[in-house]
């Protein structure tokens, strides 16, 4: 009987490995039995192409099952999408929910638990090849047409019977510091600093100021090939689940062969944060018939961490199968130098993208938020409602009276200039009182006091802003009269109440706004206000408290309201 730990060609002893991410179920029988009763659309193997589960059920039958576009339920009850007739499985055991191009597995408080790759889970984002165990059923998840979660051409394996031979391990320096000339007393130290300089020069010559991550990763791997006798190179980055994810792979000679990386080596580097030089063998007894796997034989490999400001960002791996012990400690130091420069480049690229994104966000927010509030949102100190929420707001509408006649009597450019001056003055007042400039509607301004930056005195802020707006209009009119232009009159309505606030609109165009009866009422009051007047509801005046001179008006009948509204004309500030 052949020894699974010896090469079938030369008899040399090899290190056995068991795939960690690649799961190979036992071969199905030539003529598979009919699907298990109640198991849904369980198909013969090889007949499905999209997102699916494959494997053996509790009764030993093998097949494939397509995943639903939205949600697939698994359990013993006949109502489940995939019924598993197994006493170890709960009636409603688990579900797999599709979120975009990913699939989320959730355990539904089952009695015996849901296991993925041997570990019990409550909720987990599935990756292609994950083994799901429910009772006595073993199912393999296939992403199908969904976006892959790992780079093609990379297989991570875990050592089974023996560890890879770690030939060297050095402390990885995050940054290459150069010593002052008076501290260099030997040629070896000078050579070491020169090597750092050479690596940095080659790196920046080839990588430059690249900011696109994919292109940056490819160029980093090209630097490794330029400076080292490596056949393959893989870049791993830490993903949102704090796992190493292969994001770029390159081969000196091209081709589509998989690059096999030892999970033991990856763990050694990530846990110790030290660079390692290894020699190991690539063989799995279950793949003994695969010439491509056996032929890879013994190889030399190096792996170094990518550290940025003390934080592990990822890992850089290189290997060669040209000859045993092809890499030296000097090569390991060179790769460490490349990793130091790569970590800085990746950090700079991330920083540049964040700055660019923040600049765009800040510019967008500055259109309707005061600079202070916009800055707080960008820094994450204040949150915008991505989904509409019902909250109390104070809404203000300010509208130019007789705008149509003004526009008819003036040149178009003069009308635009007048509107720009009016809108600029009104926006400045709104921001000074920390309100949100909701929108310009023709010759009307809408402002809201509330999320994302609420204050307990928002009704008072809205009324103070309204009075100041009228003073700004007076100042604007004085300049218009001096220029021989007609003065304008502005009516303002203010209301306080419940409204739905958040981002609204289509995917292509949306805005942060407020909608509801409270907003409609404020607009109706604005229509009732004469030039120079500020009309507010009794609710707004009462919640604003003392400090305002307000005169009660007759009950207003507004469009859309069966009952009249108690209103006040706010004349001035008191005290």
Protein backbone atom coordinates (compact mmCIF):
# COMPACT_ATOMS: atom_id res chain seq x y z
CA UNK A 1 0.00 0.00 0.00
CA UNK A 2 1.56 3.38 -0.99
CA UNK A 3 2.60 5.71 1.78
CA UNK A 4 0.58 8.97 1.50
CA UNK A 5 3.54 10.89 2.94
CA UNK A 6 5.96 9.86 0.19
CA UNK A 7 6.18 11.16 -3.36
CA UNK A 8 4.87 8.61 -5.85
CA UNK A 9 7.75 9.45 -8.24
CA UNK A 10 10.90 9.59 -6.12
CA UNK A 11 9.86 8.22 -2.72
CA UNK A 12 11.08 11.36 -0.94
CA UNK A 13 9.19 12.05 2.30
CA UNK A 14 6.84 15.03 2.07
CA UNK A 15 4.79 17.09 4.47
CA UNK A 16 1.12 16.10 4.32
CA UNK A 17 -1.39 18.90 3.99
CA UNK A 18 -5.16 19.09 4.31
CA UNK A 19 -7.05 21.84 2.40
CA UNK A 20 -8.54 24.43 4.69
CA UNK A 21 -10.70 26.35 2.23
CA UNK A 22 -11.15 23.75 -0.50
CA UNK A 23 -13.56 20.95 0.51
CA UNK A 24 -13.68 17.84 -1.65
CA UNK A 25 -16.74 15.65 -0.96
CA UNK A 26 -16.56 11.96 -1.63
CA UNK A 27 -17.31 11.00 -5.23
CA UNK A 28 -21.02 10.30 -5.81
CA UNK A 29 -22.14 6.93 -7.10
CA UNK A 30 -22.30 6.50 -10.89
CA UNK A 31 -26.11 6.34 -10.78
CA UNK A 32 -27.24 8.50 -7.85
CA UNK A 33 -30.42 7.43 -6.06
CA UNK A 34 -33.58 9.53 -6.40
CA UNK A 35 -33.83 12.67 -4.24
CA UNK A 36 -34.80 12.30 -0.60
CA UNK A 37 -38.50 12.68 -0.02
CA UNK A 38 -39.37 16.19 1.02
CA UNK A 39 -35.93 17.55 0.22
CA UNK A 40 -37.12 20.15 -2.27
CA UNK A 41 -35.43 20.46 -5.67
CA UNK A 42 -32.39 18.36 -4.79
CA UNK A 43 -30.69 17.63 -8.13
CA UNK A 44 -28.11 15.18 -9.42
CA UNK A 45 -24.53 16.48 -9.01
CA UNK A 46 -23.13 18.62 -11.81
CA UNK A 47 -26.53 19.78 -13.10
CA UNK A 48 -26.59 23.22 -11.37
CA UNK A 49 -24.38 26.24 -12.09
CA UNK A 50 -25.60 29.11 -9.88
CA UNK A 51 -25.39 29.60 -6.08
CA UNK A 52 -26.11 26.20 -4.56
CA UNK A 53 -25.47 23.63 -1.86
CA UNK A 54 -24.03 20.21 -2.61
CA UNK A 55 -23.24 17.21 -0.44
CA UNK A 56 -24.70 14.24 1.39
CA UNK A 57 -27.91 14.19 3.38
CA UNK A 58 -28.51 12.20 6.53
CA UNK A 59 -29.50 9.08 4.57
CA UNK A 60 -26.29 9.14 2.55
CA UNK A 61 -27.81 10.43 -0.68
CA UNK A 62 -25.76 12.92 -2.69
CA UNK A 63 -26.91 15.85 -4.81
CA UNK A 64 -27.16 19.60 -5.30
CA UNK A 65 -29.77 22.16 -4.24
CA UNK A 66 -30.18 25.69 -5.75
CA UNK A 67 -30.28 28.60 -3.31
CA UNK A 68 -33.26 30.90 -3.44
CA UNK A 69 -32.70 34.44 -4.75
CA UNK A 70 -33.81 35.94 -1.45
CA UNK A 71 -33.92 33.40 1.39
CA UNK A 72 -33.47 29.63 1.72
CA UNK A 73 -34.69 27.90 4.89
CA UNK A 74 -33.34 24.56 6.10
CA UNK A 75 -35.01 22.31 8.65
CA UNK A 76 -37.10 19.21 9.38
CA UNK A 77 -40.50 20.83 8.78
CA UNK A 78 -42.02 20.29 5.28
CA UNK A 79 -42.53 24.05 4.90
CA UNK A 80 -38.78 24.65 4.63
CA UNK A 81 -37.19 25.43 1.27
CA UNK A 82 -34.83 22.50 1.84
CA UNK A 83 -36.27 19.83 4.08
CA UNK A 84 -33.76 17.67 6.01
CA UNK A 85 -35.39 14.50 7.33
CA UNK A 86 -33.13 14.04 10.34
CA UNK A 87 -34.08 13.83 14.04
CA UNK A 88 -30.90 15.80 14.87
CA UNK A 89 -32.20 18.74 12.82
CA UNK A 90 -34.72 21.23 14.28
CA UNK A 91 -38.00 22.03 12.53
CA UNK A 92 -36.70 25.50 11.63
CA UNK A 93 -32.96 24.94 11.90
CA UNK A 94 -31.19 27.60 9.81
CA UNK A 95 -31.58 29.93 6.85
CA UNK A 96 -29.33 31.31 4.12
CA UNK A 97 -30.18 34.88 3.11
CA UNK A 98 -28.85 36.55 -0.02
CA UNK A 99 -27.55 40.09 0.57
CA UNK A 100 -26.32 41.59 -2.69
CA UNK A 101 -23.73 39.15 -4.03
CA UNK A 102 -23.06 37.54 -0.65
CA UNK A 103 -24.89 34.86 1.35
CA UNK A 104 -25.45 35.07 5.10
CA UNK A 105 -26.03 31.87 7.09
CA UNK A 106 -28.09 32.25 10.29
CA UNK A 107 -28.81 29.61 12.93
CA UNK A 108 -32.48 29.84 13.99
CA UNK A 109 -31.87 28.86 17.62
CA UNK A 110 -31.62 25.18 16.69
CA UNK A 111 -31.23 22.55 19.40
CA UNK A 112 -28.03 20.95 18.10
CA UNK A 113 -26.48 23.97 16.42
CA UNK A 114 -25.20 24.89 12.96
CA UNK A 115 -21.55 24.27 12.14
CA UNK A 116 -19.35 25.77 9.40
CA UNK A 117 -15.96 24.14 8.79
CA UNK A 118 -16.27 22.40 12.15
CA UNK A 119 -17.04 25.55 14.16
CA UNK A 120 -20.45 26.29 15.65
CA UNK A 121 -21.85 29.59 14.41
CA UNK A 122 -24.85 31.79 15.02
CA UNK A 123 -24.37 33.98 11.95
CA UNK A 124 -21.68 33.87 9.27
CA UNK A 125 -21.07 35.24 5.78
CA UNK A 126 -20.45 32.18 3.63
CA UNK A 127 -17.43 31.72 1.39
CA UNK A 128 -17.14 29.48 -1.61
CA UNK A 129 -16.29 25.95 -0.42
CA UNK A 130 -17.52 26.33 3.18
CA UNK A 131 -18.82 23.07 4.67
CA UNK A 132 -22.14 23.42 6.54
CA UNK A 133 -23.07 20.69 9.02
CA UNK A 134 -26.67 20.36 10.21
CA UNK A 135 -27.26 17.18 12.17
CA UNK A 136 -25.96 14.33 10.01
CA UNK A 137 -26.08 16.31 6.76
CA UNK A 138 -22.92 17.78 5.25
CA UNK A 139 -23.44 20.47 2.62
CA UNK A 140 -20.88 22.46 0.63
CA UNK A 141 -21.68 26.09 -0.28
CA UNK A 142 -20.93 27.15 -3.88
CA UNK A 143 -21.18 30.84 -4.71
CA UNK A 144 -21.84 30.11 -8.39
CA UNK A 145 -22.30 33.36 -10.30
CA UNK A 146 -21.99 35.47 -7.14
CA UNK A 147 -18.85 37.52 -6.65
CA UNK A 148 -16.00 35.33 -5.34
CA UNK A 149 -14.74 36.07 -1.84
CA UNK A 150 -11.14 35.07 -2.51
CA UNK A 151 -8.72 35.55 -5.36
CA UNK A 152 -8.74 32.81 -8.00
CA UNK A 153 -5.62 30.72 -8.18
CA UNK A 154 -4.85 30.69 -4.43
CA UNK A 155 -5.38 27.69 -2.17
CA UNK A 156 -4.65 27.90 1.55
CA UNK A 157 -3.72 24.58 3.16
CA UNK A 158 -3.10 23.55 6.76
CA UNK A 159 -0.32 21.19 7.82
CA UNK A 160 -1.54 17.77 8.85
CA UNK A 161 1.26 15.50 10.07
CA UNK A 162 4.31 17.76 10.09
CA UNK A 163 5.15 21.42 10.29
CA UNK A 164 6.85 23.31 7.49
CA UNK A 165 10.58 23.68 8.08
CA UNK A 166 11.12 27.24 9.36
CA UNK A 167 14.66 28.03 8.24
CA UNK A 168 14.84 31.63 9.44
CA UNK A 169 12.72 34.14 11.30
CA UNK A 170 13.57 37.82 11.72
CA UNK A 171 11.95 40.73 13.53
CA UNK A 172 10.16 42.79 10.93
CA UNK A 173 10.92 46.50 11.01
CA UNK A 174 7.92 48.60 10.18
CA UNK A 175 9.99 51.51 8.90
CA UNK A 176 13.54 51.63 7.55
CA UNK A 177 15.38 54.20 9.64
CA UNK A 178 18.81 55.42 8.58
CA UNK A 179 21.43 55.95 11.24
CA UNK A 180 23.44 59.19 11.44
CA UNK A 181 26.88 58.94 9.85
CA UNK A 182 28.66 59.21 13.21
CA UNK A 183 26.86 56.06 14.38
CA UNK A 184 28.11 53.88 11.50
CA UNK A 185 31.34 52.15 12.51
CA UNK A 186 31.54 49.16 10.19
CA UNK A 187 31.05 48.22 6.57
CA UNK A 188 28.19 45.80 7.39
CA UNK A 189 26.10 48.62 8.84
CA UNK A 190 26.78 50.75 5.79
CA UNK A 191 25.79 47.90 3.47
CA UNK A 192 22.58 47.39 5.44
CA UNK A 193 21.56 51.05 5.09
CA UNK A 194 22.49 51.03 1.42
CA UNK A 195 20.24 47.99 0.88
CA UNK A 196 17.33 49.81 2.51
CA UNK A 197 17.94 52.78 0.24
CA UNK A 198 18.17 50.57 -2.84
CA UNK A 199 14.88 48.83 -2.06
CA UNK A 200 13.09 52.12 -1.36
CA UNK A 201 14.46 53.62 -4.59
CA UNK A 202 13.40 50.63 -6.70
CA UNK A 203 9.99 50.55 -5.04
CA UNK A 204 9.22 54.22 -5.63
CA UNK A 205 10.63 54.06 -9.17
CA UNK A 206 8.18 51.29 -10.10
CA UNK A 207 5.21 52.15 -7.90
CA UNK A 208 5.43 55.95 -7.88
CA UNK A 209 2.30 57.74 -6.68
CA UNK A 210 -0.12 54.97 -7.71
CA UNK A 211 -3.43 55.27 -5.83
CA UNK A 212 -5.64 52.66 -7.54
CA UNK A 213 -5.49 49.65 -5.22
CA UNK A 214 -5.55 46.93 -7.89
CA UNK A 215 -2.81 48.59 -9.91
CA UNK A 216 -0.85 49.29 -6.72
CA UNK A 217 -0.99 45.65 -5.64
CA UNK A 218 0.17 44.45 -9.06
CA UNK A 219 3.10 46.87 -9.01
CA UNK A 220 4.12 45.76 -5.50
CA UNK A 221 4.27 42.14 -6.69
CA UNK A 222 6.29 43.24 -9.73
CA UNK A 223 8.83 44.87 -7.39
CA UNK A 224 9.15 41.53 -5.58
CA UNK A 225 9.89 39.76 -8.88
CA UNK A 226 12.39 42.48 -9.80
CA UNK A 227 14.41 42.10 -6.60
CA UNK A 228 13.94 38.40 -5.74
CA UNK A 229 14.24 35.02 -7.54
CA UNK A 230 10.58 34.19 -6.83
CA UNK A 231 8.21 32.21 -9.05
CA UNK A 232 4.95 33.21 -7.38
CA UNK A 233 3.81 36.09 -5.21
CA UNK A 234 0.56 36.61 -3.31
CA UNK A 235 -0.69 39.67 -1.46
CA UNK A 236 -3.06 39.11 1.46
CA UNK A 237 -5.02 41.90 3.13
CA UNK A 238 -7.04 41.82 6.35
CA UNK A 239 -10.77 41.93 5.54
CA UNK A 240 -13.72 43.18 7.63
CA UNK A 241 -13.88 39.84 9.46
CA UNK A 242 -10.20 40.21 10.50
CA UNK A 243 -9.26 37.35 8.17
CA UNK A 244 -6.48 37.18 5.61
CA UNK A 245 -7.97 37.53 2.15
CA UNK A 246 -5.82 36.94 -0.98
CA UNK A 247 -6.37 40.04 -3.12
CA UNK A 248 -3.59 39.77 -5.73
CA UNK A 249 -1.59 36.87 -7.16
CA UNK A 250 1.17 36.94 -9.77
CA UNK A 251 3.30 34.27 -11.46
CA UNK A 252 6.64 34.99 -13.10
CA UNK A 253 5.94 32.54 -15.92
CA UNK A 254 2.22 33.23 -16.18
CA UNK A 255 -0.21 30.33 -16.38
CA UNK A 256 -3.26 29.40 -14.36
CA UNK A 257 -1.79 26.95 -11.81
CA UNK A 258 -2.88 27.48 -8.23
CA UNK A 259 -0.43 29.00 -5.76
CA UNK A 260 -0.57 26.86 -2.62
CA UNK A 261 0.08 28.69 0.64
CA UNK A 262 0.54 26.98 3.99
CA UNK A 263 -1.97 28.10 6.63
CA UNK A 264 0.65 27.26 9.27
CA UNK A 265 3.04 29.79 7.74
CA UNK A 266 0.30 32.44 7.57
CA UNK A 267 -0.58 31.91 11.21
CA UNK A 268 3.08 32.07 12.28
CA UNK A 269 3.56 35.43 10.55
CA UNK A 270 0.27 37.00 11.70
CA UNK A 271 0.70 35.87 15.31
CA UNK A 272 4.40 36.67 15.69
CA UNK A 273 4.44 39.61 13.25
CA UNK A 274 7.84 38.37 12.15
CA UNK A 275 9.11 37.56 8.68
CA UNK A 276 9.72 33.83 8.09
CA UNK A 277 11.70 31.75 5.60
CA UNK A 278 10.45 28.19 5.12
CA UNK A 279 10.94 25.02 3.15
CA UNK A 280 7.97 22.67 2.90
CA UNK A 281 6.28 20.21 0.55
CA UNK A 282 2.97 20.39 -1.25
CA UNK A 283 1.07 17.11 -1.13
CA UNK A 284 -2.33 15.94 0.05
CA UNK A 285 -2.93 12.19 0.15
CA UNK A 286 -6.44 12.75 -1.24
CA UNK A 287 -4.86 14.40 -4.29
CA UNK A 288 -2.27 11.66 -4.81
CA UNK A 289 -3.54 11.05 -8.34
CA UNK A 290 -3.11 14.70 -9.31
CA UNK A 291 0.20 15.13 -11.12
CA UNK A 292 -0.03 18.94 -10.93
CA UNK A 293 -0.12 18.85 -7.13
CA UNK A 294 2.55 16.19 -6.63
CA UNK A 295 4.83 17.78 -9.20
CA UNK A 296 5.05 20.98 -7.18
CA UNK A 297 7.22 19.13 -4.71
CA UNK A 298 9.47 20.86 -2.19
CA UNK A 299 9.63 24.61 -2.39
CA UNK A 300 11.23 27.56 -0.64
CA UNK A 301 8.85 30.23 0.61
CA UNK A 302 8.96 33.55 2.45
CA UNK A 303 6.15 35.46 4.16
CA UNK A 304 6.37 38.89 5.75
CA UNK A 305 3.78 41.04 7.55
CA UNK A 306 2.51 44.38 6.28
CA UNK A 307 2.54 46.70 9.28
CA UNK A 308 1.32 50.31 9.24
CA UNK A 309 1.55 52.29 12.48
CA UNK A 310 1.63 49.07 14.47
CA UNK A 311 -1.50 47.67 12.80
CA UNK A 312 -1.32 44.47 10.73
CA UNK A 313 -2.70 45.33 7.30
CA UNK A 314 -1.87 42.10 5.52
CA UNK A 315 0.89 39.77 4.42
CA UNK A 316 3.22 39.36 1.44
CA UNK A 317 4.09 35.81 0.34
CA UNK A 318 6.66 34.60 -2.22
CA UNK A 319 7.78 31.10 -3.20
CA UNK A 320 9.88 29.21 -5.75
CA UNK A 321 10.14 25.55 -6.78
CA UNK A 322 13.25 25.85 -8.93
CA UNK A 323 15.50 24.45 -6.20
CA UNK A 324 15.50 23.67 -2.47
CA UNK A 325 16.61 26.50 -0.16
CA UNK A 326 16.45 28.95 -3.05
CA UNK A 327 15.96 31.89 -0.69
CA UNK A 328 18.47 33.18 1.85
CA UNK A 329 18.14 35.39 4.92
CA UNK A 330 19.27 38.28 2.74
CA UNK A 331 16.29 37.63 0.46
CA UNK A 332 14.04 37.62 3.52
CA UNK A 333 15.39 41.03 4.54
CA UNK A 334 14.79 42.34 1.03
CA UNK A 335 11.20 41.10 1.10
CA UNK A 336 10.78 42.72 4.52
CA UNK A 337 11.99 45.99 3.03
CA UNK A 338 9.50 45.67 0.19
CA UNK A 339 6.73 44.95 2.72
CA UNK A 340 7.64 48.08 4.72
CA UNK A 341 7.38 50.23 1.61
CA UNK A 342 4.21 48.41 0.49
CA UNK A 343 2.51 49.02 3.85
CA UNK A 344 3.29 52.74 3.59
CA UNK A 345 2.04 52.86 -0.02
CA UNK A 346 -1.20 51.07 0.86
CA UNK A 347 -1.72 53.35 3.86
CA UNK A 348 -1.14 56.42 1.70
CA UNK A 349 -3.53 55.11 -0.95
CA UNK A 350 -6.20 54.49 1.69
CA UNK A 351 -5.61 57.93 3.17
CA UNK A 352 -5.85 59.60 -0.24
CA UNK A 353 -9.13 57.80 -0.96
CA UNK A 354 -10.52 58.78 2.45
CA UNK A 355 -9.52 62.40 1.94
CA UNK A 356 -11.09 62.44 -1.50
CA UNK A 357 -14.26 60.82 -0.20
CA UNK A 358 -14.42 63.21 2.76
CA UNK A 359 -13.93 66.18 0.44
CA UNK A 360 -16.83 65.05 -1.75
CA UNK A 361 -18.98 64.35 1.31
CA UNK A 362 -18.08 67.69 2.90
CA UNK A 363 -18.91 69.54 -0.31
CA UNK A 364 -22.25 67.73 -0.58
CA UNK A 365 -23.17 68.33 3.06
CA UNK A 366 -22.12 71.99 2.95
CA UNK A 367 -24.96 72.61 0.53
CA UNK A 368 -27.58 72.12 3.25
CA UNK A 369 -25.73 71.99 6.60
CA UNK A 370 -23.80 74.62 8.47
CA UNK A 371 -20.00 74.18 8.20
CA UNK A 372 -19.75 73.05 11.84
CA UNK A 373 -22.48 70.41 11.47
CA UNK A 374 -21.10 69.23 8.11
CA UNK A 375 -17.66 68.75 9.69
CA UNK A 376 -19.22 66.78 12.57
CA UNK A 377 -20.99 64.48 10.10
CA UNK A 378 -17.76 63.89 8.14
CA UNK A 379 -15.92 63.02 11.37
CA UNK A 380 -18.67 60.59 12.38
CA UNK A 381 -19.70 62.64 15.43
CA UNK A 382 -23.20 63.14 14.01
CA UNK A 383 -25.15 60.61 11.98
CA UNK A 384 -27.44 61.28 9.04
CA UNK A 385 -30.58 59.18 8.83
CA UNK A 386 -30.04 56.86 5.85
CA UNK A 387 -33.57 55.56 6.37
CA UNK A 388 -36.41 57.99 7.09
CA UNK A 389 -37.31 58.39 10.76
CA UNK A 390 -40.14 60.31 12.37
CA UNK A 391 -38.88 63.09 14.65
CA UNK A 392 -39.92 66.54 15.82
CA UNK A 393 -38.70 69.40 13.63
CA UNK A 394 -39.25 73.11 13.19
CA UNK A 395 -39.79 74.03 9.53
CA UNK A 396 -39.44 77.48 7.95
CA UNK A 397 -40.53 78.68 4.50
CA UNK A 398 -39.53 82.12 3.19
CA UNK A 399 -41.03 83.26 -0.10
CA UNK A 400 -40.69 86.43 -2.20
CA UNK A 401 -44.03 88.20 -2.71
CA UNK A 402 -44.91 89.26 -6.24
CA UNK A 403 -41.93 87.50 -7.76
CA UNK A 404 -43.67 86.91 -11.09
CA UNK A 405 -44.23 90.62 -11.72
CA UNK A 406 -40.65 91.39 -10.68
CA UNK A 407 -39.30 88.80 -13.11
CA UNK A 408 -41.46 90.19 -15.93
CA UNK A 409 -40.24 93.73 -15.41
CA UNK A 410 -36.52 92.97 -15.12
CA UNK A 411 -33.90 91.47 -17.38
CA UNK A 412 -33.36 87.74 -16.83
CA UNK A 413 -29.79 88.32 -15.65
CA UNK A 414 -30.99 90.91 -13.11
CA UNK A 415 -33.58 88.46 -11.79
CA UNK A 416 -30.95 85.73 -11.39
CA UNK A 417 -28.62 88.18 -9.62
CA UNK A 418 -31.43 89.20 -7.25
CA UNK A 419 -32.27 85.57 -6.44
CA UNK A 420 -28.62 84.69 -5.82
CA UNK A 421 -28.26 87.63 -3.43
CA UNK A 422 -31.49 86.67 -1.63
CA UNK A 423 -30.60 82.97 -1.35
CA UNK A 424 -27.07 83.74 -0.12
CA UNK A 425 -28.37 86.06 2.61
CA UNK A 426 -31.04 83.57 3.73
CA UNK A 427 -28.61 80.61 3.79
CA UNK A 428 -26.15 82.58 5.93
CA UNK A 429 -28.88 83.30 8.49
CA UNK A 430 -30.00 79.65 8.56
CA UNK A 431 -26.45 78.41 9.14
CA UNK A 432 -25.80 81.00 11.86
CA UNK A 433 -28.73 79.54 13.79
CA UNK A 434 -27.54 75.96 13.03
CA UNK A 435 -30.47 75.04 10.85
CA UNK A 436 -30.46 72.84 7.74
CA UNK A 437 -30.93 74.46 4.34
CA UNK A 438 -33.35 71.92 2.92
CA UNK A 439 -33.83 73.32 -0.58
CA UNK A 440 -34.54 76.28 -2.84
CA UNK A 441 -37.93 76.03 -4.53
CA UNK A 442 -38.20 78.67 -7.23
CA UNK A 443 -38.10 81.93 -5.25
CA UNK A 444 -38.73 80.15 -1.93
CA UNK A 445 -36.33 78.89 0.75
CA UNK A 446 -37.08 75.87 2.96
CA UNK A 447 -35.11 75.33 6.19
CA UNK A 448 -35.43 72.68 8.90
CA UNK A 449 -34.25 72.65 12.50
CA UNK A 450 -33.79 69.05 13.65
CA UNK A 451 -31.63 66.06 12.58
CA UNK A 452 -28.77 65.60 12.02
CA UNK A 453 -28.05 68.19 14.75
CA UNK A 454 -31.03 68.66 17.04
CA UNK A 455 -31.23 71.23 19.83
CA UNK A 456 -33.77 71.51 22.67
CA UNK A 457 -34.47 75.11 21.58
CA UNK A 458 -34.98 74.42 17.86
CA UNK A 459 -38.38 76.26 17.77
CA UNK A 460 -36.74 79.37 19.26
CA UNK A 461 -33.84 79.10 16.78
CA UNK A 462 -36.29 78.94 13.89
CA UNK A 463 -38.15 82.06 15.07
CA UNK A 464 -34.95 84.02 15.69
CA UNK A 465 -33.75 83.05 12.22
CA UNK A 466 -37.07 84.19 10.70
CA UNK A 467 -36.82 87.63 12.33
CA UNK A 468 -33.19 87.99 11.26
CA UNK A 469 -34.15 87.01 7.70
CA UNK A 470 -36.56 89.95 7.57
CA UNK A 471 -33.79 92.27 8.75
CA UNK A 472 -31.50 90.90 6.04
CA UNK A 473 -34.22 91.53 3.46
CA UNK A 474 -34.43 95.16 4.66
CA UNK A 475 -30.65 95.53 4.22
CA UNK A 476 -30.85 93.90 0.79
CA UNK A 477 -33.66 96.29 -0.23
CA UNK A 478 -31.65 99.30 0.84
CA UNK A 479 -28.90 98.28 -1.59
CA UNK A 480 -31.45 97.59 -4.34
CA UNK A 481 -33.08 101.02 -3.93
CA UNK A 482 -29.70 102.71 -4.05
CA UNK A 483 -29.03 100.86 -7.30
CA UNK A 484 -32.39 101.99 -8.72
CA UNK A 485 -34.03 98.55 -8.40
CA UNK A 486 -37.38 97.58 -6.94
CA UNK A 487 -37.37 96.36 -3.30
CA UNK A 488 -38.64 92.85 -2.57
CA UNK A 489 -41.06 91.68 0.10
CA UNK A 490 -40.75 88.30 1.84
CA UNK A 491 -43.36 86.35 3.80
CA UNK A 492 -42.24 83.67 6.27
CA UNK A 493 -44.13 80.74 7.84
CA UNK A 494 -42.84 78.59 10.73
CA UNK A 495 -44.32 75.39 12.18
CA UNK A 496 -43.17 72.74 14.69
CA UNK A 497 -44.31 69.11 14.68
CA UNK A 498 -43.59 65.55 13.64
CA UNK A 499 -42.05 64.84 10.22
CA UNK A 500 -40.22 62.00 8.48
CA UNK A 501 -36.55 62.97 8.05
CA UNK A 502 -33.85 61.17 6.04
CA UNK A 503 -32.40 60.56 2.59
CA UNK A 504 -35.13 60.33 -0.02
CA UNK A 505 -35.19 60.00 -3.79
CA UNK A 506 -33.87 57.59 -6.40
CA UNK A 507 -30.52 55.79 -6.56
CA UNK A 508 -29.29 58.34 -9.10
CA UNK A 509 -30.47 61.44 -7.24
CA UNK A 510 -31.53 61.78 -3.62
CA UNK A 511 -31.49 64.43 -0.90
CA UNK A 512 -31.69 64.75 2.87
CA UNK A 513 -35.08 66.29 3.56
CA UNK A 514 -38.20 66.32 5.74
CA UNK A 515 -41.73 65.45 4.63
CA UNK A 516 -45.09 65.31 6.37
CA UNK A 517 -48.08 67.37 7.49
CA UNK A 518 -45.85 69.59 9.63
CA UNK A 519 -43.92 70.66 6.50
CA UNK A 520 -47.11 71.25 4.51
CA UNK A 521 -48.55 73.45 7.27
CA UNK A 522 -45.42 75.63 7.38
CA UNK A 523 -45.70 76.11 3.60
CA UNK A 524 -49.38 77.12 3.92
CA UNK A 525 -48.53 79.67 6.64
CA UNK A 526 -45.84 81.13 4.39
CA UNK A 527 -48.50 81.64 1.70
CA UNK A 528 -50.70 83.51 4.22
CA UNK A 529 -47.90 85.79 5.43
CA UNK A 530 -47.72 89.26 3.91
CA UNK A 531 -44.47 90.93 2.95
CA UNK A 532 -42.34 91.52 6.04
CA UNK A 533 -44.44 89.19 8.25
CA UNK A 534 -43.45 86.08 10.21
CA UNK A 535 -46.42 83.82 10.96
CA UNK A 536 -45.99 80.85 13.29
CA UNK A 537 -48.29 78.22 14.77
CA UNK A 538 -49.28 78.35 18.41
CA UNK A 539 -47.22 75.15 18.96
CA UNK A 540 -44.04 76.85 17.72
CA UNK A 541 -44.56 80.01 19.80
CA UNK A 542 -45.35 78.01 22.94
CA UNK A 543 -42.32 75.72 22.56
CA UNK A 544 -40.04 78.65 21.73
CA UNK A 545 -40.77 80.08 25.19
CA UNK A 546 -40.23 83.63 26.38
CA UNK A 547 -38.19 86.10 24.42
CA UNK A 548 -40.54 86.84 21.54
CA UNK A 549 -43.17 89.50 20.97
CA UNK A 550 -46.05 87.66 19.30
CA UNK A 551 -49.55 88.83 18.41
CA UNK A 552 -52.41 86.37 18.23
CA UNK A 553 -54.16 86.20 14.88
CA UNK A 554 -57.54 84.84 13.86
CA UNK A 555 -57.78 81.10 13.37
CA UNK A 556 -56.36 80.32 9.95
CA UNK A 557 -58.10 77.98 7.55
CA UNK A 558 -55.39 76.34 5.45
CA UNK A 559 -55.70 74.01 2.49
CA UNK A 560 -55.83 70.34 3.44
CA UNK A 561 -56.94 71.00 7.04
CA UNK A 562 -60.53 70.45 8.23
CA UNK A 563 -59.94 72.40 11.44
CA UNK A 564 -58.49 75.87 11.69
CA UNK A 565 -54.98 76.52 13.05
CA UNK A 566 -54.19 78.95 15.85
CA UNK A 567 -51.50 81.29 14.55
CA UNK A 568 -49.37 84.17 15.79
CA UNK A 569 -47.57 87.00 14.05
CA UNK A 570 -44.08 87.11 15.54
CA UNK A 571 -43.07 90.76 15.57
CA UNK A 572 -39.77 91.04 17.40
CA UNK A 573 -37.46 89.74 20.10
CA UNK A 574 -38.07 90.67 23.74
CA UNK A 575 -35.19 91.60 26.06
